[in-house]
Protein backbone atom coordinates (compact mmCIF):
# COMPACT_ATOMS: atom_id res chain seq x y z
CA MET A 1 33.45 1.48 -2.68
CA ASN A 2 33.64 4.97 -1.21
CA ASP A 3 31.00 5.83 1.43
CA GLU A 4 31.20 9.49 0.37
CA SER A 5 29.77 8.55 -3.02
CA VAL A 6 26.81 6.51 -1.68
CA ILE A 7 23.39 8.16 -1.77
CA THR A 8 19.95 6.97 -0.65
CA ILE A 9 17.05 7.51 -3.01
CA GLU A 10 13.47 7.30 -1.74
CA ILE A 11 10.95 6.33 -4.41
CA ARG A 12 7.18 6.54 -3.85
CA GLY A 13 4.37 5.54 -6.17
CA HIS A 14 2.50 2.53 -7.49
CA GLU A 15 4.43 -0.70 -6.94
CA LYS A 16 5.12 -1.50 -10.61
CA ALA A 17 6.47 2.00 -11.30
CA VAL A 18 8.54 2.04 -8.10
CA LEU A 19 10.25 -1.25 -8.94
CA LYS A 20 10.88 -0.12 -12.53
CA ALA A 21 12.45 3.12 -11.27
CA ALA A 22 14.70 1.16 -8.88
CA GLN A 23 15.81 -1.03 -11.80
CA ARG A 24 16.59 2.03 -13.94
CA ILE A 25 18.68 3.51 -11.14
CA SER A 26 20.67 0.27 -11.00
CA ASP A 27 21.23 0.55 -14.76
CA LEU A 28 23.07 3.82 -14.08
CA PHE A 29 24.85 3.15 -10.79
CA LEU A 30 26.10 0.33 -8.61
CA SER A 31 23.04 -0.15 -6.44
CA SER A 32 21.55 -2.20 -3.65
CA GLY A 33 18.41 -2.70 -5.71
CA PRO A 34 15.12 -2.04 -3.96
CA CYS A 35 15.29 -2.34 -0.18
CA ARG A 36 12.22 -3.23 1.91
CA LEU A 37 9.11 -2.32 -0.03
CA ARG A 38 6.87 -0.46 2.44
CA ARG A 39 3.12 -0.06 2.23
CA THR A 40 1.00 2.49 4.08
CA PRO A 41 -2.34 0.99 5.20
CA GLY A 42 -5.22 2.43 3.21
CA LYS A 43 -3.00 3.88 0.45
CA ASP A 44 -2.19 2.59 -3.02
CA GLU A 45 1.30 4.09 -2.84
CA VAL A 46 4.39 2.11 -1.82
CA GLN A 47 7.82 3.35 -0.78
CA VAL A 48 11.22 1.85 -1.44
CA LEU A 49 14.76 2.98 -0.68
CA VAL A 50 17.65 2.39 -3.06
CA HIS A 51 21.28 2.91 -2.05
CA ALA A 52 23.48 3.87 -5.01
CA ASP A 53 27.18 4.56 -5.49
CA VAL A 54 27.28 7.58 -7.81
CA ASP A 55 31.01 7.15 -8.52
CA ARG A 56 30.20 4.14 -10.67
CA GLY A 57 29.59 5.37 -14.21
CA ALA A 58 26.87 4.53 -16.70
CA GLY A 59 27.43 1.10 -18.21
CA GLU A 60 29.01 -0.11 -14.98
CA GLY A 61 25.69 -0.20 -13.08
CA GLY A 62 23.57 -3.08 -11.95
CA TYR A 63 22.83 -4.93 -8.79
CA LEU A 64 25.80 -6.30 -6.90
CA ASP A 65 27.20 -9.57 -8.15
CA PRO A 66 27.86 -12.14 -5.40
CA GLY A 67 31.61 -11.46 -5.58
CA GLU A 68 31.12 -7.70 -5.25
CA ALA A 69 28.65 -8.00 -2.37
CA GLU A 70 31.36 -9.38 -0.12
CA GLY A 71 33.45 -6.21 -0.47
CA ALA A 72 30.51 -3.81 -0.23
CA GLY A 73 30.36 -3.98 3.56
CA ALA A 74 28.10 -1.36 5.09
CA PHE A 75 26.78 -0.27 1.70
CA LEU A 76 24.03 -2.87 1.82
CA ARG A 77 23.25 -2.65 5.53
C-alpha cells in the first residue's frame, strides 16, 4: 500500500446515510471502513472519517481482510 495514494474522506449527515456512504466508498477502494462515528451534542448530524487507497481499482475494493490488515501498517492508524 502506497501512502501517497491514501486519502481521508470526511462524511457528515444522518447516521444511516453516513454509514451507507462509507460502505459505497469501500466498494470502490481499499478502505478502512468507517472510523469513529462522532456525534455533536444537540445535532442530528454525525461525522465519520474513511481512509481510502485510491490506487486500488473498482472491483478490488472492500474493507481489509484480516490477512491484508497486517500489511496495511499506518493506513489504519
